[in-house]
C-alpha atoms as a PDB file:
ATOM      1  CA  MET A   1       8.362 -29.618  24.040  1.00  0.00           C
ATOM      2  CA  GLY A   2      10.088 -26.106  23.814  1.00  0.00           C
ATOM      3  CA  ARG A   3      12.615 -24.781  26.057  1.00  0.00           C
ATOM      4  CA  THR A   4      11.346 -23.429  29.385  1.00  0.00           C
ATOM      5  CA  LYS A   5      12.418 -20.427  31.310  1.00  0.00           C
ATOM      6  CA  THR A   6      12.769 -19.992  34.896  1.00  0.00           C
ATOM      7  CA  PHE A   7      10.878 -17.410  36.845  1.00  0.00           C
ATOM      8  CA  ALA A   8      14.052 -15.414  37.455  1.00  0.00           C
ATOM      9  CA  GLU A   9      14.677 -15.073  33.518  1.00  0.00           C
ATOM     10  CA  ILE A  10      10.963 -14.019  32.962  1.00  0.00           C
ATOM     11  CA  GLY A  11      10.822 -11.381  36.001  1.00  0.00           C
ATOM     12  CA  ALA A  12      14.172 -10.008  34.807  1.00  0.00           C
ATOM     13  CA  GLY A  13      12.410  -8.531  31.964  1.00  0.00           C
ATOM     14  CA  ASN A  14      14.370  -9.883  28.998  1.00  0.00           C
ATOM     15  CA  VAL A  15      11.563 -12.303  28.056  1.00  0.00           C
ATOM     16  CA  ASN A  16       7.992 -11.231  26.782  1.00  0.00           C
ATOM     17  CA  VAL A  17       4.920 -13.717  26.433  1.00  0.00           C
ATOM     18  CA  ARG A  18       3.566 -13.940  23.005  1.00  0.00           C
ATOM     19  CA  VAL A  19       0.097 -15.489  22.221  1.00  0.00           C
ATOM     20  CA  THR A  20      -0.500 -16.612  18.741  1.00  0.00           C
ATOM     21  CA  LYS A  21      -3.789 -16.477  17.060  1.00  0.00           C
ATOM     22  CA  SER A  22      -4.362 -19.957  17.651  1.00  0.00           C
ATOM     23  CA  GLY A  23      -4.110 -19.508  21.483  1.00  0.00           C
ATOM     24  CA  LYS A  24      -0.897 -20.875  21.987  1.00  0.00           C
ATOM     25  CA  PHE A  25       1.668 -19.276  24.168  1.00  0.00           C
ATOM     26  CA  GLY A  26       5.335 -18.433  23.488  1.00  0.00           C
ATOM     27  CA  LEU A  27       8.249 -16.769  24.851  1.00  0.00           C
ATOM     28  CA  ILE A  28      10.375 -13.957  23.132  1.00  0.00           C
ATOM     29  CA  LYS A  29      13.640 -12.808  24.362  1.00  0.00           C
ATOM     30  CA  VAL A  30      13.900  -9.178  24.189  1.00  0.00           C
ATOM     31  CA  ASN A  31      17.057  -7.376  23.634  1.00  0.00           C
ATOM     32  CA  LYS A  32      17.877  -5.028  26.447  1.00  0.00           C
ATOM     33  CA  ASN A  33      20.660  -3.109  24.573  1.00  0.00           C
ATOM     34  CA  ALA A  34      18.330  -1.789  21.974  1.00  0.00           C
ATOM     35  CA  LYS A  35      18.801   1.916  21.729  1.00  0.00           C
ATOM     36  CA  PRO A  36      15.922   4.212  22.266  1.00  0.00           C
ATOM     37  CA  PRO A  37      14.436   5.986  19.165  1.00  0.00           C
ATOM     38  CA  ALA A  38      16.519   8.951  17.632  1.00  0.00           C
ATOM     39  CA  ALA A  39      15.168  12.437  18.119  1.00  0.00           C
ATOM     40  CA  GLN A  40      14.222  12.539  14.488  1.00  0.00           C
ATOM     41  CA  MET A  41      12.281   9.332  14.697  1.00  0.00           C
ATOM     42  CA  ALA A  42      10.430  10.742  17.759  1.00  0.00           C
ATOM     43  CA  LYS A  43       9.779  13.973  15.993  1.00  0.00           C
ATOM     44  CA  MET A  44       8.421  11.926  12.934  1.00  0.00           C
ATOM     45  CA  LYS A  45       6.093  10.067  15.349  1.00  0.00           C
ATOM     46  CA  SER A  46       4.513  13.110  16.750  1.00  0.00           C
ATOM     47  CA  CYS A  47       4.106  14.676  13.474  1.00  0.00           C
ATOM     48  CA  ALA A  48       2.429  11.527  12.121  1.00  0.00           C
ATOM     49  CA  ALA A  49       0.139  11.693  15.115  1.00  0.00           C
ATOM     50  CA  ALA A  50      -0.954  15.438  14.458  1.00  0.00           C
ATOM     51  CA  ASN A  51      -1.488  14.642  10.694  1.00  0.00           C
ATOM     52  CA  ARG A  52      -3.523  11.472  11.373  1.00  0.00           C
ATOM     53  CA  GLY A  53      -6.645  11.324   9.024  1.00  0.00           C
ATOM     54  CA  LYS A  54      -4.951  13.105   6.387  1.00  0.00           C
ATOM     55  CA  ARG A  55      -4.252  11.429   2.999  1.00  0.00           C
ATOM     56  CA  GLY A  56      -1.965  11.945   0.099  1.00  0.00           C
ATOM     57  CA  SER A  57      -0.680  15.317  -0.541  1.00  0.00           C
ATOM     58  CA  GLU A  58      -2.487  16.832   2.406  1.00  0.00           C
ATOM     59  CA  PHE A  59      -0.619  14.368   4.669  1.00  0.00           C
ATOM     60  CA  LYS A  60       2.634  15.071   2.704  1.00  0.00           C
ATOM     61  CA  SER A  61       2.386  18.637   3.153  1.00  0.00           C
ATOM     62  CA  GLY A  62       1.497  18.559   6.937  1.00  0.00           C
ATOM     63  CA  MET A  63       4.379  16.271   7.521  1.00  0.00           C
ATOM     64  CA  LYS A  64       6.678  18.772   5.643  1.00  0.00           C
ATOM     65  CA  SER A  65       5.583  21.764   7.681  1.00  0.00           C
ATOM     66  CA  CYS A  66       5.668  19.961  11.133  1.00  0.00           C
ATOM     67  CA  LEU A  67       9.115  18.571  10.453  1.00  0.00           C
ATOM     68  CA  SER A  68      10.669  21.854   9.222  1.00  0.00           C
ATOM     69  CA  LYS A  69       9.614  23.694  12.657  1.00  0.00           C
END
């Protein structure tokens, strides 16, 4: 049997529950010291969302114009 976690550890937010494809539950430790995404990555995410549905060179040119603003 795997390691068990106390309710305090799960409630503290440093453990997430994962369900596998077979339906089994597992616990994943989450790093609380992870850095938030950099400003450039946030901008890339919003530009990618704005260009959703475009493909190839159309997507590439849309991203280029969005990132240069």
